[in-house]
Amino acid sequence: MTAQRPSQCDARPALFLISAVVVLLDRLTKMWVIRSVPVGQAHNVITGFFRITHVLNTGAAFSLFASGGSLHRTNWGLVAFSSVAIVTLAVLLITQGRRATLATVSFALILGGAIGNLYDRLRLHSVTDFLEVHVCGYHWPDFNLADSCITIAACLLVLDILIARKQLD
């Protein structure tokens, strides 16, 4: 009698749960800011370094496309782009998500972040940003939890590529 290898657990439910938690936390934090901080106002958390603000971003990441062209056209272009990204990421998780890897966790984080920001675009025609950081006199553009998850995921994808490359050497 041969011993059977235990089958590896399907990671897709956990990966989609990660996305759902990102969406939930993103919604909760944005709702808190909307209720607690008037638009354009800020609360110092660490003077000279970190503030909680309330900014309505009509553009993409770092307010790209916010000042050029029609706001209506920009918003719907970003809605279309986000929708395609969401479908693509969901398909990637369904097809590649049997195992939890840096790449699949990254896809889950990006999916949650994209859904969180898409919700704002559809409902408010802008994205609520509220985290403001200053480092050595430089003001980082305001961002939110969804943006943070997308950025962390991008870093994880780079790390995954570097690890894979090192293993090939």
N, C-alpha and C. Protein backbone atom coordinates (compact mmCIF):
# COMPACT_ATOMS: atom_id res chain seq x y z
N MET A 1 0.84 -1.18 0.00
CA MET A 1 0.00 0.00 0.00
C MET A 1 0.89 1.24 0.00
N THR A 2 0.63 2.16 -0.90
CA THR A 2 1.39 3.40 -1.00
C THR A 2 0.67 4.52 -0.26
N ALA A 3 1.48 5.33 0.40
CA ALA A 3 0.90 6.48 1.11
C ALA A 3 0.52 7.54 0.08
N GLN A 4 -0.66 8.08 0.25
CA GLN A 4 -1.12 9.14 -0.65
C GLN A 4 -0.70 10.49 -0.09
N ARG A 5 -0.28 11.36 -1.00
CA ARG A 5 0.04 12.73 -0.59
C ARG A 5 -1.25 13.46 -0.30
N PRO A 6 -1.28 14.18 0.79
CA PRO A 6 -2.49 14.96 1.05
C PRO A 6 -2.64 16.03 -0.03
N SER A 7 -3.86 16.19 -0.50
CA SER A 7 -4.08 17.19 -1.54
C SER A 7 -3.99 18.58 -0.93
N GLN A 8 -3.41 19.48 -1.71
CA GLN A 8 -3.25 20.84 -1.24
C GLN A 8 -4.61 21.54 -1.28
N CYS A 9 -4.87 22.29 -0.26
CA CYS A 9 -6.14 23.00 -0.14
C CYS A 9 -6.24 24.09 -1.22
N ASP A 10 -7.40 24.24 -1.80
CA ASP A 10 -7.65 25.26 -2.81
C ASP A 10 -7.64 26.63 -2.12
N ALA A 11 -6.76 27.52 -2.56
CA ALA A 11 -6.59 28.83 -1.92
C ALA A 11 -7.57 29.88 -2.42
N ARG A 12 -8.35 29.57 -3.46
CA ARG A 12 -9.22 30.60 -4.05
C ARG A 12 -10.20 31.21 -3.06
N PRO A 13 -10.86 30.42 -2.19
CA PRO A 13 -11.76 31.08 -1.23
C PRO A 13 -11.02 32.08 -0.33
N ALA A 14 -9.84 31.73 0.13
CA ALA A 14 -9.06 32.63 0.99
C ALA A 14 -8.63 33.87 0.21
N LEU A 15 -8.25 33.70 -1.04
CA LEU A 15 -7.82 34.84 -1.86
C LEU A 15 -8.98 35.81 -2.11
N PHE A 16 -10.16 35.26 -2.41
CA PHE A 16 -11.32 36.14 -2.60
C PHE A 16 -11.75 36.76 -1.27
N LEU A 17 -11.50 36.07 -0.16
CA LEU A 17 -11.77 36.65 1.16
C LEU A 17 -10.84 37.84 1.41
N ILE A 18 -9.58 37.73 1.01
CA ILE A 18 -8.65 38.85 1.13
C ILE A 18 -9.21 40.06 0.38
N SER A 19 -9.67 39.83 -0.84
CA SER A 19 -10.25 40.93 -1.64
C SER A 19 -11.46 41.53 -0.93
N ALA A 20 -12.32 40.68 -0.38
CA ALA A 20 -13.52 41.17 0.31
C ALA A 20 -13.16 41.97 1.55
N VAL A 21 -12.15 41.53 2.29
CA VAL A 21 -11.72 42.27 3.49
C VAL A 21 -11.16 43.63 3.10
N VAL A 22 -10.40 43.69 2.01
CA VAL A 22 -9.87 44.97 1.53
C VAL A 22 -11.03 45.91 1.19
N VAL A 23 -12.03 45.41 0.47
CA VAL A 23 -13.18 46.23 0.11
C VAL A 23 -13.89 46.72 1.37
N LEU A 24 -14.13 45.83 2.32
CA LEU A 24 -14.82 46.20 3.55
C LEU A 24 -14.04 47.26 4.33
N LEU A 25 -12.75 47.04 4.54
CA LEU A 25 -11.94 48.01 5.29
C LEU A 25 -11.85 49.35 4.55
N ASP A 26 -11.76 49.29 3.22
CA ASP A 26 -11.73 50.50 2.42
C ASP A 26 -13.03 51.29 2.60
N ARG A 27 -14.15 50.61 2.52
CA ARG A 27 -15.45 51.28 2.68
C ARG A 27 -15.58 51.87 4.08
N LEU A 28 -15.22 51.09 5.10
CA LEU A 28 -15.35 51.57 6.48
C LEU A 28 -14.49 52.81 6.73
N THR A 29 -13.25 52.79 6.26
CA THR A 29 -12.38 53.94 6.49
C THR A 29 -12.86 55.16 5.72
N LYS A 30 -13.31 54.97 4.49
CA LYS A 30 -13.82 56.11 3.71
C LYS A 30 -15.10 56.66 4.33
N MET A 31 -15.98 55.78 4.81
CA MET A 31 -17.21 56.25 5.46
C MET A 31 -16.88 57.05 6.71
N TRP A 32 -15.89 56.61 7.49
CA TRP A 32 -15.48 57.34 8.68
C TRP A 32 -14.98 58.73 8.31
N VAL A 33 -14.15 58.82 7.27
CA VAL A 33 -13.61 60.11 6.84
C VAL A 33 -14.73 61.02 6.35
N ILE A 34 -15.63 60.48 5.55
CA ILE A 34 -16.74 61.27 5.01
C ILE A 34 -17.58 61.85 6.15
N ARG A 35 -17.80 61.08 7.20
CA ARG A 35 -18.62 61.53 8.33
C ARG A 35 -17.84 62.43 9.30
N SER A 36 -16.53 62.28 9.38
CA SER A 36 -15.75 62.94 10.43
C SER A 36 -14.92 64.14 10.00
N VAL A 37 -14.56 64.20 8.73
CA VAL A 37 -13.66 65.25 8.27
C VAL A 37 -14.31 65.98 7.09
N PRO A 38 -14.60 67.27 7.23
CA PRO A 38 -15.17 68.00 6.09
C PRO A 38 -14.22 67.99 4.90
N VAL A 39 -14.78 68.01 3.70
CA VAL A 39 -13.96 68.02 2.47
C VAL A 39 -13.00 69.21 2.53
N GLY A 40 -11.74 68.93 2.23
CA GLY A 40 -10.72 69.97 2.21
C GLY A 40 -10.07 70.23 3.57
N GLN A 41 -10.57 69.59 4.62
CA GLN A 41 -10.01 69.78 5.95
C GLN A 41 -9.05 68.64 6.29
N ALA A 42 -8.29 68.83 7.37
CA ALA A 42 -7.32 67.81 7.78
C ALA A 42 -7.18 67.81 9.30
N HIS A 43 -6.79 66.65 9.84
CA HIS A 43 -6.47 66.50 11.26
C HIS A 43 -5.04 65.99 11.36
N ASN A 44 -4.20 66.73 12.09
CA ASN A 44 -2.83 66.30 12.30
C ASN A 44 -2.80 65.05 13.18
N VAL A 45 -2.04 64.07 12.75
CA VAL A 45 -1.80 62.87 13.55
C VAL A 45 -0.38 62.93 14.09
N ILE A 46 0.58 63.13 13.20
CA ILE A 46 1.98 63.35 13.58
C ILE A 46 2.41 64.63 12.86
N THR A 47 2.50 65.72 13.61
CA THR A 47 2.78 67.04 13.04
C THR A 47 3.99 66.99 12.11
N GLY A 48 3.77 67.55 10.92
CA GLY A 48 4.84 67.62 9.93
C GLY A 48 5.10 66.33 9.17
N PHE A 49 4.37 65.26 9.52
CA PHE A 49 4.61 63.97 8.86
C PHE A 49 3.32 63.33 8.33
N PHE A 50 2.27 63.25 9.15
CA PHE A 50 1.08 62.48 8.76
C PHE A 50 -0.19 63.19 9.20
N ARG A 51 -1.14 63.32 8.25
CA ARG A 51 -2.45 63.91 8.54
C ARG A 51 -3.55 63.04 7.94
N ILE A 52 -4.72 63.10 8.58
CA ILE A 52 -5.94 62.52 8.00
C ILE A 52 -6.65 63.68 7.32
N THR A 53 -6.90 63.54 6.03
CA THR A 53 -7.51 64.61 5.25
C THR A 53 -8.82 64.11 4.65
N HIS A 54 -9.49 64.96 3.91
CA HIS A 54 -10.66 64.53 3.13
C HIS A 54 -10.55 65.21 1.78
N VAL A 55 -10.10 64.43 0.80
CA VAL A 55 -9.87 64.91 -0.55
C VAL A 55 -10.71 64.07 -1.51
N LEU A 56 -11.34 64.74 -2.46
CA LEU A 56 -12.08 64.03 -3.50
C LEU A 56 -11.23 64.03 -4.76
N ASN A 57 -10.75 62.86 -5.14
CA ASN A 57 -9.85 62.69 -6.28
C ASN A 57 -10.68 62.31 -7.51
N THR A 58 -10.73 63.19 -8.48
CA THR A 58 -11.47 62.90 -9.71
C THR A 58 -10.60 62.25 -10.77
N GLY A 59 -9.31 62.10 -10.47
CA GLY A 59 -8.39 61.48 -11.41
C GLY A 59 -8.06 60.06 -11.02
N ALA A 60 -6.96 59.58 -11.55
CA ALA A 60 -6.48 58.23 -11.23
C ALA A 60 -5.49 58.33 -10.09
N ALA A 61 -4.63 57.34 -9.94
CA ALA A 61 -3.62 57.34 -8.88
C ALA A 61 -2.82 58.64 -8.91
N PHE A 62 -2.56 59.19 -7.72
CA PHE A 62 -1.80 60.43 -7.57
C PHE A 62 -2.45 61.59 -8.33
N SER A 63 -3.77 61.53 -8.51
CA SER A 63 -4.55 62.58 -9.18
C SER A 63 -4.20 62.73 -10.67
N LEU A 64 -3.60 61.71 -11.27
CA LEU A 64 -3.36 61.75 -12.72
C LEU A 64 -4.68 61.93 -13.44
N PHE A 65 -4.71 62.73 -14.48
CA PHE A 65 -5.88 63.01 -15.32
C PHE A 65 -6.95 63.83 -14.61
N ALA A 66 -6.70 64.31 -13.38
CA ALA A 66 -7.73 65.05 -12.65
C ALA A 66 -7.97 66.43 -13.23
N SER A 67 -6.96 67.04 -13.84
CA SER A 67 -7.12 68.42 -14.28
C SER A 67 -7.30 68.57 -15.78
N GLY A 68 -7.16 67.53 -16.53
CA GLY A 68 -7.26 67.66 -17.98
C GLY A 68 -8.54 67.08 -18.54
N GLY A 69 -9.12 67.77 -19.51
CA GLY A 69 -10.28 67.25 -20.21
C GLY A 69 -11.55 67.27 -19.37
N SER A 70 -12.54 66.58 -19.86
CA SER A 70 -13.85 66.51 -19.22
C SER A 70 -13.82 65.56 -18.03
N LEU A 71 -14.27 66.05 -16.86
CA LEU A 71 -14.32 65.19 -15.67
C LEU A 71 -15.24 64.00 -15.89
N HIS A 72 -16.34 64.23 -16.60
CA HIS A 72 -17.29 63.15 -16.88
C HIS A 72 -16.63 62.06 -17.72
N ARG A 73 -15.92 62.47 -18.77
CA ARG A 73 -15.24 61.52 -19.64
C ARG A 73 -14.11 60.80 -18.91
N THR A 74 -13.36 61.54 -18.10
CA THR A 74 -12.28 60.94 -17.32
C THR A 74 -12.83 59.90 -16.36
N ASN A 75 -13.91 60.25 -15.64
CA ASN A 75 -14.50 59.32 -14.69
C ASN A 75 -14.94 58.04 -15.38
N TRP A 76 -15.65 58.15 -16.49
CA TRP A 76 -16.14 56.94 -17.16
C TRP A 76 -15.02 56.15 -17.82
N GLY A 77 -13.97 56.84 -18.24
CA GLY A 77 -12.79 56.12 -18.75
C GLY A 77 -12.13 55.31 -17.64
N LEU A 78 -12.03 55.91 -16.46
CA LEU A 78 -11.44 55.20 -15.32
C LEU A 78 -12.36 54.08 -14.83
N VAL A 79 -13.68 54.28 -14.92
CA VAL A 79 -14.62 53.22 -14.57
C VAL A 79 -14.43 52.04 -15.53
N ALA A 80 -14.33 52.33 -16.82
CA ALA A 80 -14.13 51.26 -17.81
C ALA A 80 -12.81 50.53 -17.57
N PHE A 81 -11.73 51.28 -17.35
CA PHE A 81 -10.43 50.66 -17.09
C PHE A 81 -10.48 49.78 -15.84
N SER A 82 -11.07 50.31 -14.76
CA SER A 82 -11.18 49.55 -13.51
C SER A 82 -12.00 48.29 -13.71
N SER A 83 -13.08 48.40 -14.46
CA SER A 83 -13.94 47.24 -14.69
C SER A 83 -13.20 46.13 -15.43
N VAL A 84 -12.44 46.51 -16.44
CA VAL A 84 -11.64 45.52 -17.19
C VAL A 84 -10.60 44.89 -16.25
N ALA A 85 -9.95 45.72 -15.44
CA ALA A 85 -8.94 45.21 -14.49
C ALA A 85 -9.57 44.24 -13.50
N ILE A 86 -10.75 44.57 -13.00
CA ILE A 86 -11.44 43.71 -12.03
C ILE A 86 -11.77 42.36 -12.64
N VAL A 87 -12.31 42.36 -13.85
CA VAL A 87 -12.66 41.10 -14.52
C VAL A 87 -11.39 40.29 -14.77
N THR A 88 -10.34 40.95 -15.24
CA THR A 88 -9.06 40.27 -15.51
C THR A 88 -8.50 39.63 -14.25
N LEU A 89 -8.51 40.40 -13.15
CA LEU A 89 -7.98 39.88 -11.88
C LEU A 89 -8.82 38.73 -11.35
N ALA A 90 -10.14 38.83 -11.48
CA ALA A 90 -11.01 37.73 -11.02
C ALA A 90 -10.72 36.47 -11.83
N VAL A 91 -10.55 36.61 -13.13
CA VAL A 91 -10.22 35.45 -13.98
C VAL A 91 -8.86 34.88 -13.58
N LEU A 92 -7.87 35.75 -13.34
CA LEU A 92 -6.56 35.27 -12.90
C LEU A 92 -6.66 34.51 -11.59
N LEU A 93 -7.44 35.01 -10.64
CA LEU A 93 -7.59 34.30 -9.37
C LEU A 93 -8.29 32.96 -9.56
N ILE A 94 -9.29 32.92 -10.41
CA ILE A 94 -10.02 31.67 -10.65
C ILE A 94 -9.11 30.64 -11.31
N THR A 95 -8.31 31.10 -12.29
CA THR A 95 -7.48 30.14 -13.03
C THR A 95 -6.15 29.84 -12.36
N GLN A 96 -5.58 30.81 -11.63
CA GLN A 96 -4.25 30.63 -11.04
C GLN A 96 -4.26 30.51 -9.52
N GLY A 97 -5.42 30.65 -8.91
CA GLY A 97 -5.49 30.77 -7.46
C GLY A 97 -5.62 29.49 -6.66
N ARG A 98 -5.37 28.37 -7.26
CA ARG A 98 -5.44 27.12 -6.47
C ARG A 98 -4.40 27.11 -5.36
N ARG A 99 -3.26 27.78 -5.62
CA ARG A 99 -2.20 27.89 -4.62
C ARG A 99 -2.04 29.35 -4.25
N ALA A 100 -1.79 29.58 -2.97
CA ALA A 100 -1.49 30.94 -2.52
C ALA A 100 -0.01 31.20 -2.76
N THR A 101 0.27 32.15 -3.61
CA THR A 101 1.64 32.56 -3.92
C THR A 101 1.71 34.08 -3.75
N LEU A 102 2.90 34.64 -3.84
CA LEU A 102 3.00 36.09 -3.80
C LEU A 102 2.17 36.73 -4.91
N ALA A 103 2.19 36.10 -6.07
CA ALA A 103 1.44 36.65 -7.20
C ALA A 103 -0.07 36.60 -6.95
N THR A 104 -0.58 35.46 -6.49
CA THR A 104 -2.03 35.36 -6.30
C THR A 104 -2.51 36.23 -5.14
N VAL A 105 -1.72 36.35 -4.08
CA VAL A 105 -2.08 37.26 -2.99
C VAL A 105 -2.08 38.70 -3.52
N SER A 106 -1.11 39.02 -4.37
CA SER A 106 -1.07 40.36 -4.99
C SER A 106 -2.31 40.62 -5.81
N PHE A 107 -2.70 39.63 -6.61
CA PHE A 107 -3.91 39.80 -7.42
C PHE A 107 -5.12 40.05 -6.53
N ALA A 108 -5.21 39.34 -5.40
CA ALA A 108 -6.33 39.51 -4.48
C ALA A 108 -6.34 40.91 -3.88
N LEU A 109 -5.16 41.42 -3.50
CA LEU A 109 -5.08 42.77 -2.94
C LEU A 109 -5.46 43.82 -3.98
N ILE A 110 -4.97 43.66 -5.20
CA ILE A 110 -5.30 44.61 -6.27
C ILE A 110 -6.79 44.55 -6.58
N LEU A 111 -7.35 43.35 -6.63
CA LEU A 111 -8.79 43.20 -6.90
C LEU A 111 -9.61 43.96 -5.85
N GLY A 112 -9.30 43.76 -4.58
CA GLY A 112 -10.02 44.46 -3.52
C GLY A 112 -9.87 45.97 -3.62
N GLY A 113 -8.66 46.44 -3.88
CA GLY A 113 -8.43 47.87 -4.03
C GLY A 113 -9.16 48.46 -5.23
N ALA A 114 -9.13 47.74 -6.33
CA ALA A 114 -9.83 48.22 -7.54
C ALA A 114 -11.33 48.29 -7.32
N ILE A 115 -11.89 47.29 -6.65
CA ILE A 115 -13.34 47.32 -6.37
C ILE A 115 -13.66 48.48 -5.43
N GLY A 116 -12.84 48.68 -4.41
CA GLY A 116 -13.09 49.77 -3.47
C GLY A 116 -13.11 51.13 -4.15
N ASN A 117 -12.14 51.39 -5.00
CA ASN A 117 -12.10 52.68 -5.70
C ASN A 117 -13.17 52.77 -6.78
N LEU A 118 -13.49 51.65 -7.44
CA LEU A 118 -14.56 51.67 -8.44
C LEU A 118 -15.90 52.03 -7.79
N TYR A 119 -16.15 51.50 -6.61
CA TYR A 119 -17.39 51.82 -5.89
C TYR A 119 -17.52 53.34 -5.73
N ASP A 120 -16.44 53.98 -5.29
CA ASP A 120 -16.47 55.44 -5.14
C ASP A 120 -16.75 56.14 -6.46
N ARG A 121 -16.07 55.71 -7.52
CA ARG A 121 -16.25 56.36 -8.83
C ARG A 121 -17.69 56.25 -9.32
N LEU A 122 -18.29 55.07 -9.12
CA LEU A 122 -19.66 54.88 -9.57
C LEU A 122 -20.65 55.68 -8.71
N ARG A 123 -20.40 55.72 -7.41
CA ARG A 123 -21.34 56.36 -6.50
C ARG A 123 -21.11 57.86 -6.38
N LEU A 124 -19.84 58.28 -6.28
CA LEU A 124 -19.52 59.68 -6.00
C LEU A 124 -18.90 60.42 -7.19
N HIS A 125 -18.52 59.69 -8.24
CA HIS A 125 -17.81 60.25 -9.40
C HIS A 125 -16.44 60.81 -9.02
N SER A 126 -15.93 60.35 -7.89
CA SER A 126 -14.58 60.67 -7.44
C SER A 126 -14.20 59.62 -6.40
N VAL A 127 -12.93 59.61 -6.02
CA VAL A 127 -12.46 58.66 -5.01
C VAL A 127 -12.08 59.45 -3.76
N THR A 128 -12.52 58.98 -2.61
CA THR A 128 -12.18 59.63 -1.34
C THR A 128 -10.77 59.21 -0.93
N ASP A 129 -9.89 60.19 -0.85
CA ASP A 129 -8.53 59.97 -0.36
C ASP A 129 -8.41 60.66 0.98
N PHE A 130 -7.61 60.09 1.89
CA PHE A 130 -7.57 60.66 3.24
C PHE A 130 -6.25 60.48 3.98
N LEU A 131 -5.30 59.83 3.40
CA LEU A 131 -4.00 59.65 4.05
C LEU A 131 -3.01 60.60 3.40
N GLU A 132 -2.44 61.50 4.20
CA GLU A 132 -1.51 62.49 3.68
C GLU A 132 -0.18 62.35 4.42
N VAL A 133 0.89 62.18 3.66
CA VAL A 133 2.21 61.97 4.24
C VAL A 133 3.17 63.03 3.71
N HIS A 134 3.98 63.57 4.63
CA HIS A 134 5.06 64.51 4.28
C HIS A 134 6.38 63.88 4.75
N VAL A 135 7.36 63.82 3.85
CA VAL A 135 8.67 63.27 4.21
C VAL A 135 9.74 64.24 3.70
N CYS A 136 10.55 64.75 4.63
CA CYS A 136 11.66 65.65 4.28
C CYS A 136 11.20 66.80 3.38
N GLY A 137 10.07 67.40 3.71
CA GLY A 137 9.55 68.52 2.94
C GLY A 137 8.79 68.12 1.68
N TYR A 138 8.75 66.85 1.36
CA TYR A 138 8.02 66.38 0.17
C TYR A 138 6.63 65.93 0.58
N HIS A 139 5.63 66.41 -0.14
CA HIS A 139 4.24 66.01 0.12
C HIS A 139 3.84 64.89 -0.84
N TRP A 140 3.60 63.72 -0.28
CA TRP A 140 3.14 62.60 -1.08
C TRP A 140 1.66 62.83 -1.39
N PRO A 141 1.21 62.57 -2.62
CA PRO A 141 -0.21 62.78 -2.93
C PRO A 141 -1.10 61.95 -2.00
N ASP A 142 -2.23 62.54 -1.60
CA ASP A 142 -3.15 61.86 -0.70
C ASP A 142 -3.62 60.55 -1.32
N PHE A 143 -3.84 59.56 -0.47
CA PHE A 143 -4.24 58.23 -0.93
C PHE A 143 -5.18 57.61 0.09
N ASN A 144 -5.61 56.38 -0.17
CA ASN A 144 -6.55 55.69 0.72
C ASN A 144 -6.11 54.24 0.92
N LEU A 145 -6.90 53.49 1.65
CA LEU A 145 -6.55 52.09 1.95
C LEU A 145 -6.49 51.24 0.68
N ALA A 146 -7.43 51.45 -0.24
CA ALA A 146 -7.42 50.70 -1.50
C ALA A 146 -6.13 50.95 -2.27
N ASP A 147 -5.72 52.22 -2.35
CA ASP A 147 -4.46 52.56 -3.03
C ASP A 147 -3.28 51.88 -2.34
N SER A 148 -3.31 51.86 -1.00
CA SER A 148 -2.22 51.22 -0.24
C SER A 148 -2.12 49.74 -0.59
N CYS A 149 -3.26 49.06 -0.66
CA CYS A 149 -3.25 47.63 -0.99
C CYS A 149 -2.73 47.39 -2.40
N ILE A 150 -3.11 48.25 -3.33
CA ILE A 150 -2.64 48.12 -4.71
C ILE A 150 -1.12 48.33 -4.76
N THR A 151 -0.62 49.31 -4.02
CA THR A 151 0.83 49.59 -3.99
C THR A 151 1.60 48.44 -3.34
N ILE A 152 1.10 47.94 -2.22
CA ILE A 152 1.73 46.79 -1.56
C ILE A 152 1.75 45.60 -2.51
N ALA A 153 0.65 45.38 -3.21
CA ALA A 153 0.57 44.27 -4.16
C ALA A 153 1.59 44.42 -5.29
N ALA A 154 1.75 45.64 -5.78
CA ALA A 154 2.74 45.87 -6.84
C ALA A 154 4.15 45.53 -6.33
N CYS A 155 4.44 45.91 -5.09
CA CYS A 155 5.75 45.58 -4.50
C CYS A 155 5.91 44.07 -4.35
N LEU A 156 4.85 43.38 -3.95
CA LEU A 156 4.91 41.91 -3.83
C LEU A 156 5.13 41.26 -5.18
N LEU A 157 4.52 41.81 -6.23
CA LEU A 157 4.73 41.25 -7.58
C LEU A 157 6.18 41.44 -8.02
N VAL A 158 6.76 42.59 -7.73
CA VAL A 158 8.17 42.81 -8.06
C VAL A 158 9.04 41.81 -7.29
N LEU A 159 8.75 41.64 -6.00
CA LEU A 159 9.49 40.68 -5.18
C LEU A 159 9.36 39.27 -5.76
N ASP A 160 8.15 38.90 -6.18
CA ASP A 160 7.92 37.58 -6.77
C ASP A 160 8.76 37.40 -8.03
N ILE A 161 8.83 38.43 -8.85
CA ILE A 161 9.64 38.37 -10.09
C ILE A 161 11.12 38.23 -9.74
N LEU A 162 11.58 39.00 -8.76
CA LEU A 162 12.99 38.93 -8.37
C LEU A 162 13.35 37.57 -7.80
N ILE A 163 12.47 37.00 -6.99
CA ILE A 163 12.71 35.66 -6.43
C ILE A 163 12.76 34.63 -7.55
N ALA A 164 11.81 34.70 -8.47
CA ALA A 164 11.80 33.75 -9.58
C ALA A 164 13.04 33.89 -10.43
N ARG A 165 13.48 35.13 -10.66
CA ARG A 165 14.67 35.37 -11.46
C ARG A 165 15.90 34.81 -10.78
N LYS A 166 15.99 35.00 -9.46
CA LYS A 166 17.14 34.51 -8.70
C LYS A 166 17.18 32.98 -8.76
N GLN A 167 16.01 32.34 -8.71
CA GLN A 167 15.96 30.88 -8.76
C GLN A 167 16.38 30.35 -10.11
N LEU A 168 16.21 31.16 -11.17
CA LEU A 168 16.63 30.75 -12.51
C LEU A 168 18.14 30.86 -12.67
N ASP A 169 18.77 31.74 -11.91
CA ASP A 169 20.23 31.95 -12.04
C ASP A 169 21.02 30.79 -11.50
